[in-house]
Amino acid sequence: MISFGQRTAYAFRCFFALLFRGVIPADILGAFGVPSREPAAPPSRPAPATTGPAPTARVEDPGDRAIQLLALLQRDGRLVDFLLEDLTPYTDAQVSAAVRDVHASCRRAIDRYLPLEPILADEEGMATALSAPVDPSMVKLVGNVRSQPSYRGTVRHRGWRVGRVSLPPLAPAEARFVVAPAEVEVG
């Protein structure tokens, strides 16, 4: 059986990898003996000649950015402390006061590092028209949906997308799994 710390790290990595990339990291699947279902690499073709600068190669991120985001929400909003706290001994008023602080601090962190913008300009409850085809990753059509040149309906949720990513540089590799450092008061 793997340790609690490793299970926690795997859980957060899986959550954010599924959220941002839609796949479970291959090394986590391998740790549980599940073969990776990543598609086979297409046959290599010679690169087309270009006159501009070469695009930068994207290095696969094994969840480091997801953990970094969780660490930022912990640092700025104490989100992890709040989520891992047992709330049963507290009154509703005490929980409500804590939620307000955590909510405001985490919202400021998201606004700073990953500002969100609505996908649809129309307000919730307003009528809207969409031309086909509709990208299902951007807009989920519900109700009496059939193929047609355009769709008219009521906005139930405007949707959210990240406007820009402004995360700070990653920590050194050995520190990337740290969500919050331990604190020791020396007296």
N, C-alpha and C. Protein backbone atom coordinates (compact mmCIF):
# COMPACT_ATOMS: atom_id res chain seq x y z
N MET A 1 0.85 -1.18 0.00
CA MET A 1 0.00 0.00 0.00
C MET A 1 0.89 1.24 0.00
N ILE A 2 0.52 2.23 -0.82
CA ILE A 2 1.33 3.44 -0.88
C ILE A 2 0.98 4.35 0.30
N SER A 3 1.90 5.23 0.64
CA SER A 3 1.73 6.10 1.81
C SER A 3 0.61 7.11 1.58
N PHE A 4 0.12 7.65 2.68
CA PHE A 4 -0.93 8.66 2.61
C PHE A 4 -0.45 9.88 1.84
N GLY A 5 0.77 10.30 2.07
CA GLY A 5 1.32 11.47 1.37
C GLY A 5 1.38 11.24 -0.13
N GLN A 6 1.81 10.03 -0.54
CA GLN A 6 1.88 9.74 -1.97
C GLN A 6 0.48 9.66 -2.58
N ARG A 7 -0.48 9.07 -1.83
CA ARG A 7 -1.86 9.02 -2.33
C ARG A 7 -2.42 10.43 -2.50
N THR A 8 -2.12 11.31 -1.54
CA THR A 8 -2.59 12.70 -1.62
C THR A 8 -1.99 13.39 -2.83
N ALA A 9 -0.68 13.22 -3.03
CA ALA A 9 -0.02 13.83 -4.19
C ALA A 9 -0.63 13.30 -5.48
N TYR A 10 -0.84 11.99 -5.56
CA TYR A 10 -1.45 11.40 -6.76
C TYR A 10 -2.86 11.98 -6.97
N ALA A 11 -3.63 12.11 -5.90
CA ALA A 11 -5.01 12.60 -6.01
C ALA A 11 -5.03 14.01 -6.58
N PHE A 12 -4.19 14.89 -6.06
CA PHE A 12 -4.16 16.26 -6.56
C PHE A 12 -3.66 16.31 -8.00
N ARG A 13 -2.62 15.54 -8.31
CA ARG A 13 -2.11 15.53 -9.68
C ARG A 13 -3.16 15.02 -10.64
N CYS A 14 -3.87 13.94 -10.27
CA CYS A 14 -4.92 13.41 -11.14
C CYS A 14 -6.04 14.43 -11.33
N PHE A 15 -6.46 15.06 -10.24
CA PHE A 15 -7.54 16.04 -10.31
C PHE A 15 -7.21 17.15 -11.28
N PHE A 16 -6.03 17.78 -11.10
CA PHE A 16 -5.68 18.91 -11.94
C PHE A 16 -5.30 18.48 -13.36
N ALA A 17 -4.71 17.30 -13.51
CA ALA A 17 -4.40 16.82 -14.86
C ALA A 17 -5.69 16.57 -15.64
N LEU A 18 -6.68 15.97 -14.97
CA LEU A 18 -7.97 15.76 -15.63
C LEU A 18 -8.66 17.09 -15.92
N LEU A 19 -8.55 18.03 -15.00
CA LEU A 19 -9.19 19.32 -15.17
C LEU A 19 -8.58 20.10 -16.32
N PHE A 20 -7.24 20.14 -16.39
CA PHE A 20 -6.58 20.99 -17.39
C PHE A 20 -6.21 20.26 -18.68
N ARG A 21 -5.92 18.94 -18.62
CA ARG A 21 -5.47 18.24 -19.82
C ARG A 21 -6.40 17.10 -20.22
N GLY A 22 -7.28 16.67 -19.33
CA GLY A 22 -8.23 15.62 -19.66
C GLY A 22 -7.66 14.21 -19.64
N VAL A 23 -6.50 14.01 -19.02
CA VAL A 23 -5.90 12.68 -18.94
C VAL A 23 -5.28 12.48 -17.56
N ILE A 24 -5.17 11.22 -17.15
CA ILE A 24 -4.47 10.86 -15.93
C ILE A 24 -3.01 10.65 -16.30
N PRO A 25 -2.08 11.24 -15.54
CA PRO A 25 -0.66 11.08 -15.89
C PRO A 25 -0.26 9.61 -16.00
N ALA A 26 0.56 9.31 -17.03
CA ALA A 26 0.96 7.94 -17.32
C ALA A 26 1.73 7.31 -16.17
N ASP A 27 2.57 8.10 -15.46
CA ASP A 27 3.34 7.52 -14.37
C ASP A 27 2.45 7.08 -13.22
N ILE A 28 1.33 7.77 -13.01
CA ILE A 28 0.39 7.36 -11.95
C ILE A 28 -0.33 6.09 -12.38
N LEU A 29 -0.77 6.04 -13.63
CA LEU A 29 -1.39 4.81 -14.12
C LEU A 29 -0.42 3.64 -13.97
N GLY A 30 0.86 3.87 -14.34
CA GLY A 30 1.87 2.82 -14.24
C GLY A 30 2.10 2.37 -12.81
N ALA A 31 2.00 3.30 -11.85
CA ALA A 31 2.20 2.94 -10.45
C ALA A 31 1.14 1.96 -9.95
N PHE A 32 -0.01 1.95 -10.61
CA PHE A 32 -1.09 1.04 -10.22
C PHE A 32 -1.24 -0.12 -11.20
N GLY A 33 -0.27 -0.25 -12.11
CA GLY A 33 -0.29 -1.37 -13.05
C GLY A 33 -1.30 -1.24 -14.16
N VAL A 34 -1.79 -0.02 -14.41
CA VAL A 34 -2.74 0.21 -15.49
C VAL A 34 -1.96 0.71 -16.70
N PRO A 35 -2.08 0.05 -17.84
CA PRO A 35 -1.34 0.53 -19.01
C PRO A 35 -1.88 1.88 -19.47
N SER A 36 -0.99 2.74 -19.89
CA SER A 36 -1.37 4.06 -20.39
C SER A 36 -2.10 3.92 -21.71
N ARG A 37 -3.12 4.73 -21.91
CA ARG A 37 -3.89 4.67 -23.15
C ARG A 37 -3.56 5.85 -24.04
N GLU A 38 -2.35 6.38 -23.90
CA GLU A 38 -1.96 7.50 -24.74
C GLU A 38 -1.85 7.03 -26.17
N PRO A 39 -2.32 7.84 -27.12
CA PRO A 39 -2.25 7.41 -28.52
C PRO A 39 -0.81 7.28 -28.96
N ALA A 40 -0.60 6.36 -29.88
CA ALA A 40 0.74 6.17 -30.41
C ALA A 40 1.17 7.42 -31.16
N ALA A 41 2.44 7.70 -31.10
CA ALA A 41 2.96 8.90 -31.77
C ALA A 41 2.82 8.73 -33.27
N PRO A 42 2.38 9.78 -33.96
CA PRO A 42 2.26 9.67 -35.41
C PRO A 42 3.64 9.55 -36.03
N PRO A 43 3.72 8.95 -37.21
CA PRO A 43 5.02 8.82 -37.84
C PRO A 43 5.61 10.20 -38.08
N SER A 44 6.92 10.30 -37.86
CA SER A 44 7.55 11.60 -37.99
C SER A 44 7.68 11.98 -39.45
N ARG A 45 7.44 13.27 -39.69
CA ARG A 45 7.57 13.82 -41.03
C ARG A 45 8.63 14.91 -40.98
N PRO A 46 9.29 15.16 -42.09
CA PRO A 46 10.26 16.24 -42.06
C PRO A 46 9.57 17.55 -41.75
N ALA A 47 10.22 18.37 -40.94
CA ALA A 47 9.65 19.66 -40.55
C ALA A 47 9.64 20.59 -41.75
N PRO A 48 8.54 21.35 -41.91
CA PRO A 48 8.50 22.30 -43.01
C PRO A 48 9.50 23.42 -42.78
N ALA A 49 10.04 23.93 -43.85
CA ALA A 49 11.01 25.02 -43.73
C ALA A 49 10.28 26.29 -43.32
N THR A 50 10.82 26.98 -42.32
CA THR A 50 10.24 28.24 -41.87
C THR A 50 11.31 29.29 -41.85
N THR A 51 10.88 30.53 -41.94
CA THR A 51 11.84 31.63 -41.92
C THR A 51 11.89 32.32 -40.58
N GLY A 52 10.89 32.13 -39.73
CA GLY A 52 10.85 32.78 -38.43
C GLY A 52 11.57 31.96 -37.38
N PRO A 53 11.56 32.45 -36.14
CA PRO A 53 12.20 31.69 -35.07
C PRO A 53 11.45 30.39 -34.81
N ALA A 54 12.19 29.38 -34.40
CA ALA A 54 11.59 28.07 -34.13
C ALA A 54 10.70 28.17 -32.90
N PRO A 55 9.52 27.52 -32.94
CA PRO A 55 8.66 27.55 -31.76
C PRO A 55 9.34 26.82 -30.61
N THR A 56 9.08 27.29 -29.40
CA THR A 56 9.68 26.65 -28.25
C THR A 56 9.01 25.31 -28.00
N ALA A 57 9.80 24.31 -27.68
CA ALA A 57 9.26 22.98 -27.40
C ALA A 57 8.55 23.01 -26.07
N ARG A 58 7.40 22.36 -26.02
CA ARG A 58 6.63 22.31 -24.77
C ARG A 58 7.03 21.06 -24.02
N VAL A 59 7.55 21.24 -22.83
CA VAL A 59 7.94 20.12 -22.00
C VAL A 59 6.69 19.65 -21.25
N GLU A 60 6.48 18.35 -21.22
CA GLU A 60 5.32 17.79 -20.53
C GLU A 60 5.40 18.12 -19.05
N ASP A 61 4.32 18.62 -18.50
CA ASP A 61 4.23 19.03 -17.10
C ASP A 61 3.54 17.90 -16.33
N PRO A 62 4.26 17.19 -15.47
CA PRO A 62 3.64 16.06 -14.75
C PRO A 62 2.80 16.51 -13.55
N GLY A 63 2.08 17.61 -13.68
CA GLY A 63 1.25 18.07 -12.58
C GLY A 63 1.89 19.17 -11.76
N ASP A 64 3.09 19.57 -12.12
CA ASP A 64 3.78 20.59 -11.34
C ASP A 64 2.99 21.89 -11.26
N ARG A 65 2.41 22.32 -12.37
CA ARG A 65 1.65 23.57 -12.37
C ARG A 65 0.37 23.44 -11.55
N ALA A 66 -0.25 22.27 -11.58
CA ALA A 66 -1.45 22.06 -10.77
C ALA A 66 -1.12 22.15 -9.29
N ILE A 67 -0.02 21.54 -8.90
CA ILE A 67 0.40 21.60 -7.50
C ILE A 67 0.77 23.03 -7.15
N GLN A 68 1.41 23.73 -8.08
CA GLN A 68 1.77 25.13 -7.84
C GLN A 68 0.51 25.96 -7.59
N LEU A 69 -0.53 25.74 -8.40
CA LEU A 69 -1.77 26.48 -8.22
C LEU A 69 -2.39 26.17 -6.85
N LEU A 70 -2.38 24.91 -6.47
CA LEU A 70 -2.89 24.54 -5.16
C LEU A 70 -2.08 25.22 -4.06
N ALA A 71 -0.75 25.26 -4.22
CA ALA A 71 0.12 25.93 -3.24
C ALA A 71 -0.19 27.43 -3.16
N LEU A 72 -0.45 28.06 -4.30
CA LEU A 72 -0.79 29.49 -4.30
C LEU A 72 -2.13 29.73 -3.59
N LEU A 73 -3.11 28.86 -3.83
CA LEU A 73 -4.39 28.99 -3.13
C LEU A 73 -4.25 28.75 -1.64
N GLN A 74 -3.32 27.88 -1.25
CA GLN A 74 -3.04 27.66 0.16
C GLN A 74 -2.33 28.88 0.75
N ARG A 75 -1.30 29.35 0.06
CA ARG A 75 -0.52 30.47 0.57
C ARG A 75 -1.37 31.74 0.70
N ASP A 76 -2.13 32.05 -0.33
CA ASP A 76 -2.89 33.29 -0.34
C ASP A 76 -4.24 33.19 0.34
N GLY A 77 -4.86 32.00 0.34
CA GLY A 77 -6.21 31.87 0.87
C GLY A 77 -6.40 30.80 1.92
N ARG A 78 -5.35 30.05 2.24
CA ARG A 78 -5.41 28.95 3.23
C ARG A 78 -6.49 27.93 2.85
N LEU A 79 -6.65 27.70 1.54
CA LEU A 79 -7.69 26.80 1.04
C LEU A 79 -7.50 25.37 1.53
N VAL A 80 -6.29 24.84 1.45
CA VAL A 80 -6.05 23.45 1.86
C VAL A 80 -6.33 23.28 3.35
N ASP A 81 -5.86 24.23 4.17
CA ASP A 81 -6.14 24.15 5.60
C ASP A 81 -7.65 24.10 5.86
N PHE A 82 -8.39 24.95 5.13
CA PHE A 82 -9.83 24.98 5.30
C PHE A 82 -10.47 23.66 4.88
N LEU A 83 -10.07 23.13 3.71
CA LEU A 83 -10.68 21.90 3.21
C LEU A 83 -10.35 20.68 4.07
N LEU A 84 -9.18 20.67 4.69
CA LEU A 84 -8.79 19.52 5.51
C LEU A 84 -9.22 19.65 6.97
N GLU A 85 -9.76 20.78 7.34
CA GLU A 85 -10.23 21.01 8.71
C GLU A 85 -11.54 20.26 8.95
N ASP A 86 -11.67 19.65 10.12
CA ASP A 86 -12.93 19.03 10.52
C ASP A 86 -13.84 20.14 11.03
N LEU A 87 -14.94 20.39 10.34
CA LEU A 87 -15.82 21.51 10.67
C LEU A 87 -16.92 21.16 11.66
N THR A 88 -17.04 19.89 12.03
CA THR A 88 -18.15 19.49 12.90
C THR A 88 -18.16 20.19 14.26
N PRO A 89 -17.02 20.51 14.89
CA PRO A 89 -17.13 21.16 16.20
C PRO A 89 -17.48 22.65 16.14
N TYR A 90 -17.55 23.24 14.95
CA TYR A 90 -17.78 24.67 14.83
C TYR A 90 -19.24 24.96 14.52
N THR A 91 -19.69 26.14 14.95
CA THR A 91 -21.06 26.56 14.65
C THR A 91 -21.13 27.04 13.21
N ASP A 92 -22.35 27.13 12.70
CA ASP A 92 -22.54 27.63 11.33
C ASP A 92 -21.99 29.05 11.19
N ALA A 93 -22.15 29.87 12.21
CA ALA A 93 -21.65 31.25 12.16
C ALA A 93 -20.12 31.26 12.06
N GLN A 94 -19.44 30.38 12.79
CA GLN A 94 -17.98 30.32 12.73
C GLN A 94 -17.52 29.85 11.35
N VAL A 95 -18.19 28.84 10.81
CA VAL A 95 -17.83 28.34 9.48
C VAL A 95 -18.09 29.42 8.45
N SER A 96 -19.21 30.11 8.55
CA SER A 96 -19.55 31.17 7.61
C SER A 96 -18.49 32.27 7.63
N ALA A 97 -18.01 32.66 8.79
CA ALA A 97 -16.98 33.69 8.88
C ALA A 97 -15.68 33.22 8.22
N ALA A 98 -15.33 31.96 8.44
CA ALA A 98 -14.11 31.41 7.84
C ALA A 98 -14.26 31.33 6.32
N VAL A 99 -15.43 30.91 5.86
CA VAL A 99 -15.66 30.78 4.42
C VAL A 99 -15.50 32.14 3.73
N ARG A 100 -16.00 33.19 4.35
CA ARG A 100 -15.88 34.52 3.74
C ARG A 100 -14.41 34.90 3.53
N ASP A 101 -13.57 34.65 4.53
CA ASP A 101 -12.15 34.99 4.41
C ASP A 101 -11.46 34.13 3.35
N VAL A 102 -11.71 32.82 3.38
CA VAL A 102 -11.10 31.91 2.41
C VAL A 102 -11.57 32.26 1.01
N HIS A 103 -12.86 32.51 0.86
CA HIS A 103 -13.43 32.86 -0.44
C HIS A 103 -12.78 34.12 -1.01
N ALA A 104 -12.71 35.17 -0.23
CA ALA A 104 -12.15 36.44 -0.70
C ALA A 104 -10.67 36.29 -1.07
N SER A 105 -9.92 35.58 -0.23
CA SER A 105 -8.49 35.42 -0.49
C SER A 105 -8.23 34.55 -1.72
N CYS A 106 -8.96 33.47 -1.86
CA CYS A 106 -8.78 32.59 -3.04
C CYS A 106 -9.24 33.28 -4.31
N ARG A 107 -10.28 34.07 -4.21
CA ARG A 107 -10.74 34.80 -5.40
C ARG A 107 -9.68 35.80 -5.86
N ARG A 108 -9.05 36.49 -4.92
CA ARG A 108 -7.97 37.42 -5.28
C ARG A 108 -6.82 36.67 -5.94
N ALA A 109 -6.50 35.48 -5.45
CA ALA A 109 -5.41 34.69 -6.04
C ALA A 109 -5.76 34.27 -7.46
N ILE A 110 -6.99 33.83 -7.69
CA ILE A 110 -7.40 33.44 -9.04
C ILE A 110 -7.38 34.66 -9.96
N ASP A 111 -7.89 35.79 -9.48
CA ASP A 111 -7.87 37.01 -10.30
C ASP A 111 -6.44 37.41 -10.66
N ARG A 112 -5.51 37.15 -9.77
CA ARG A 112 -4.12 37.53 -10.01
C ARG A 112 -3.40 36.57 -10.97
N TYR A 113 -3.57 35.27 -10.76
CA TYR A 113 -2.79 34.27 -11.50
C TYR A 113 -3.51 33.67 -12.70
N LEU A 114 -4.82 33.52 -12.63
CA LEU A 114 -5.61 32.90 -13.70
C LEU A 114 -6.93 33.65 -13.83
N PRO A 115 -6.89 34.90 -14.27
CA PRO A 115 -8.15 35.65 -14.34
C PRO A 115 -9.14 34.97 -15.28
N LEU A 116 -10.36 34.84 -14.80
CA LEU A 116 -11.41 34.16 -15.55
C LEU A 116 -12.28 35.16 -16.29
N GLU A 117 -12.79 34.74 -17.43
CA GLU A 117 -13.72 35.56 -18.19
C GLU A 117 -14.86 34.67 -18.64
N PRO A 118 -16.07 35.25 -18.78
CA PRO A 118 -17.20 34.42 -19.23
C PRO A 118 -17.05 34.01 -20.68
N ILE A 119 -17.54 32.82 -21.00
CA ILE A 119 -17.52 32.34 -22.38
C ILE A 119 -18.61 33.06 -23.19
N LEU A 120 -19.80 33.19 -22.61
CA LEU A 120 -20.90 33.88 -23.29
C LEU A 120 -21.06 35.29 -22.71
N ALA A 121 -21.31 36.25 -23.57
CA ALA A 121 -21.49 37.63 -23.12
C ALA A 121 -22.86 37.85 -22.48
N ASP A 122 -23.86 37.07 -22.91
CA ASP A 122 -25.21 37.23 -22.38
C ASP A 122 -25.28 36.80 -20.93
N GLU A 123 -26.08 37.52 -20.14
CA GLU A 123 -26.27 37.21 -18.72
C GLU A 123 -27.12 35.95 -18.57
N GLU A 124 -26.98 35.30 -17.42
CA GLU A 124 -27.81 34.13 -17.12
C GLU A 124 -29.28 34.54 -17.09
N GLY A 125 -30.13 33.71 -17.68
CA GLY A 125 -31.56 34.00 -17.76
C GLY A 125 -31.96 34.76 -19.01
N MET A 126 -30.98 35.26 -19.75
CA MET A 126 -31.25 36.02 -20.98
C MET A 126 -31.34 35.06 -22.18
N ALA A 127 -32.07 35.49 -23.21
CA ALA A 127 -32.16 34.72 -24.45
C ALA A 127 -30.87 34.93 -25.23
N THR A 128 -30.45 33.88 -25.95
CA THR A 128 -29.24 33.98 -26.77
C THR A 128 -29.43 33.15 -28.03
N ALA A 129 -28.62 33.47 -29.03
CA ALA A 129 -28.63 32.72 -30.29
C ALA A 129 -27.20 32.30 -30.60
N LEU A 130 -27.03 31.04 -31.01
CA LEU A 130 -25.72 30.51 -31.36
C LEU A 130 -25.81 29.90 -32.75
N SER A 131 -24.80 30.16 -33.56
CA SER A 131 -24.78 29.54 -34.88
C SER A 131 -24.07 28.19 -34.79
N ALA A 132 -24.51 27.26 -35.60
CA ALA A 132 -23.92 25.93 -35.63
C ALA A 132 -22.67 25.97 -36.50
N PRO A 133 -21.70 25.14 -36.30
CA PRO A 133 -21.64 24.15 -35.24
C PRO A 133 -21.20 24.79 -33.92
N VAL A 134 -21.66 24.21 -32.82
CA VAL A 134 -21.31 24.68 -31.49
C VAL A 134 -20.23 23.79 -30.93
N ASP A 135 -19.14 24.40 -30.47
CA ASP A 135 -18.03 23.64 -29.89
C ASP A 135 -18.46 23.13 -28.52
N PRO A 136 -18.59 21.81 -28.35
CA PRO A 136 -19.08 21.27 -27.07
C PRO A 136 -18.13 21.52 -25.89
N SER A 137 -16.87 21.83 -26.17
CA SER A 137 -15.97 22.16 -25.06
C SER A 137 -16.22 23.57 -24.54
N MET A 138 -16.87 24.40 -25.37
CA MET A 138 -17.16 25.78 -24.98
C MET A 138 -18.61 25.98 -24.51
N VAL A 139 -19.55 25.31 -25.17
CA VAL A 139 -20.97 25.48 -24.86
C VAL A 139 -21.64 24.12 -24.82
N LYS A 140 -22.33 23.86 -23.73
CA LYS A 140 -23.08 22.61 -23.58
C LYS A 140 -24.54 22.93 -23.88
N LEU A 141 -25.05 22.32 -24.94
CA LEU A 141 -26.46 22.50 -25.29
C LEU A 141 -27.29 21.47 -24.53
N VAL A 142 -28.35 21.92 -23.88
CA VAL A 142 -29.23 21.03 -23.13
C VAL A 142 -30.66 21.26 -23.58
N GLY A 143 -31.49 20.28 -23.37
CA GLY A 143 -32.88 20.40 -23.75
C GLY A 143 -33.15 19.68 -25.06
N ASN A 144 -34.01 20.25 -25.89
CA ASN A 144 -34.42 19.65 -27.15
C ASN A 144 -33.40 20.02 -28.23
N VAL A 145 -32.29 19.29 -28.27
CA VAL A 145 -31.20 19.60 -29.18
C VAL A 145 -31.25 18.67 -30.38
N ARG A 146 -31.29 19.26 -31.55
CA ARG A 146 -31.21 18.49 -32.79
C ARG A 146 -30.40 19.33 -33.77
N SER A 147 -29.90 18.72 -34.80
CA SER A 147 -29.05 19.40 -35.76
C SER A 147 -29.84 20.50 -36.48
N GLN A 148 -29.32 21.71 -36.44
CA GLN A 148 -29.95 22.84 -37.11
C GLN A 148 -28.88 23.91 -37.35
N PRO A 149 -29.17 24.88 -38.23
CA PRO A 149 -28.15 25.88 -38.57
C PRO A 149 -27.85 26.86 -37.44
N SER A 150 -28.78 27.05 -36.52
CA SER A 150 -28.54 27.92 -35.37
C SER A 150 -29.42 27.46 -34.21
N TYR A 151 -29.06 27.92 -33.03
CA TYR A 151 -29.80 27.52 -31.83
C TYR A 151 -30.21 28.77 -31.07
N ARG A 152 -31.43 28.77 -30.59
CA ARG A 152 -31.93 29.84 -29.73
C ARG A 152 -32.28 29.20 -28.40
N GLY A 153 -31.90 29.87 -27.33
CA GLY A 153 -32.20 29.33 -26.02
C GLY A 153 -31.95 30.35 -24.92
N THR A 154 -31.99 29.88 -23.69
CA THR A 154 -31.78 30.72 -22.52
C THR A 154 -30.46 30.34 -21.86
N VAL A 155 -29.67 31.32 -21.54
CA VAL A 155 -28.38 31.08 -20.89
C VAL A 155 -28.63 30.59 -19.47
N ARG A 156 -28.18 29.37 -19.18
CA ARG A 156 -28.29 28.82 -17.82
C ARG A 156 -27.00 29.05 -17.05
N HIS A 157 -25.89 29.07 -17.74
CA HIS A 157 -24.58 29.37 -17.13
C HIS A 157 -23.70 29.97 -18.21
N ARG A 158 -23.04 31.06 -17.92
CA ARG A 158 -22.23 31.76 -18.93
C ARG A 158 -20.94 31.01 -19.27
N GLY A 159 -20.53 30.11 -18.40
CA GLY A 159 -19.28 29.39 -18.60
C GLY A 159 -18.09 30.27 -18.22
N TRP A 160 -16.96 29.63 -17.99
CA TRP A 160 -15.74 30.37 -17.65
C TRP A 160 -14.58 29.82 -18.44
N ARG A 161 -13.67 30.69 -18.80
CA ARG A 161 -12.40 30.28 -19.38
C ARG A 161 -11.33 31.19 -18.80
N VAL A 162 -10.11 30.70 -18.82
CA VAL A 162 -8.99 31.46 -18.30
C VAL A 162 -8.60 32.49 -19.35
N GLY A 163 -8.53 33.75 -18.94
CA GLY A 163 -8.16 34.82 -19.86
C GLY A 163 -6.67 34.84 -20.15
N ARG A 164 -5.86 34.59 -19.14
CA ARG A 164 -4.40 34.52 -19.29
C ARG A 164 -3.85 33.73 -18.12
N VAL A 165 -2.68 33.18 -18.30
CA VAL A 165 -2.00 32.45 -17.23
C VAL A 165 -0.82 33.28 -16.80
N SER A 166 -0.79 33.66 -15.51
CA SER A 166 0.28 34.49 -14.98
C SER A 166 0.91 33.84 -13.76
N LEU A 167 1.18 32.55 -13.85
CA LEU A 167 1.77 31.85 -12.72
C LEU A 167 3.24 32.23 -12.59
N PRO A 168 3.74 32.30 -11.35
CA PRO A 168 5.16 32.58 -11.17
C PRO A 168 6.01 31.40 -11.63
N PRO A 169 7.32 31.59 -11.76
CA PRO A 169 8.19 30.47 -12.15
C PRO A 169 8.05 29.31 -11.16
N LEU A 170 8.24 28.11 -11.67
CA LEU A 170 8.17 26.93 -10.82
C LEU A 170 9.34 26.88 -9.84
N ALA A 171 9.08 26.27 -8.70
CA ALA A 171 10.13 26.05 -7.70
C ALA A 171 11.09 24.99 -8.24
N PRO A 172 12.26 24.84 -7.62
CA PRO A 172 13.15 23.75 -8.03
C PRO A 172 12.43 22.40 -7.95
N ALA A 173 12.85 21.45 -8.78
CA ALA A 173 12.16 20.17 -8.91
C ALA A 173 11.89 19.48 -7.58
N GLU A 174 12.85 19.51 -6.67
CA GLU A 174 12.67 18.79 -5.40
C GLU A 174 11.62 19.44 -4.50
N ALA A 175 11.24 20.68 -4.78
CA ALA A 175 10.26 21.38 -3.93
C ALA A 175 8.90 21.50 -4.59
N ARG A 176 8.70 20.92 -5.75
CA ARG A 176 7.45 21.12 -6.49
C ARG A 176 6.25 20.40 -5.91
N PHE A 177 6.47 19.42 -5.04
CA PHE A 177 5.34 18.72 -4.42
C PHE A 177 4.94 19.34 -3.09
N VAL A 178 5.61 20.40 -2.68
CA VAL A 178 5.29 21.07 -1.41
C VAL A 178 4.15 22.03 -1.66
N VAL A 179 3.04 21.79 -0.97
CA VAL A 179 1.87 22.67 -1.07
C VAL A 179 2.00 23.78 -0.05
N ALA A 180 2.43 23.44 1.15
CA ALA A 180 2.68 24.42 2.21
C ALA A 180 3.81 23.87 3.08
N PRO A 181 4.86 24.66 3.29
CA PRO A 181 5.93 24.16 4.14
C PRO A 181 5.47 24.02 5.59
N ALA A 182 6.08 23.10 6.29
CA ALA A 182 5.79 22.97 7.73
C ALA A 182 6.38 24.18 8.43
N GLU A 183 5.78 24.55 9.54
CA GLU A 183 6.28 25.69 10.32
C GLU A 183 6.64 25.19 11.72
N VAL A 184 7.78 25.61 12.20
CA VAL A 184 8.24 25.27 13.54
C VAL A 184 8.64 26.55 14.23
N GLU A 185 7.99 26.84 15.35
CA GLU A 185 8.37 28.00 16.14
C GLU A 185 9.42 27.58 17.14
N VAL A 186 10.56 28.22 17.06
CA VAL A 186 11.67 27.90 17.95
C VAL A 186 11.69 28.94 19.05
N GLY A 187 11.69 28.46 20.28
CA GLY A 187 11.59 29.41 21.40
C GLY A 187 12.68 29.31 22.29
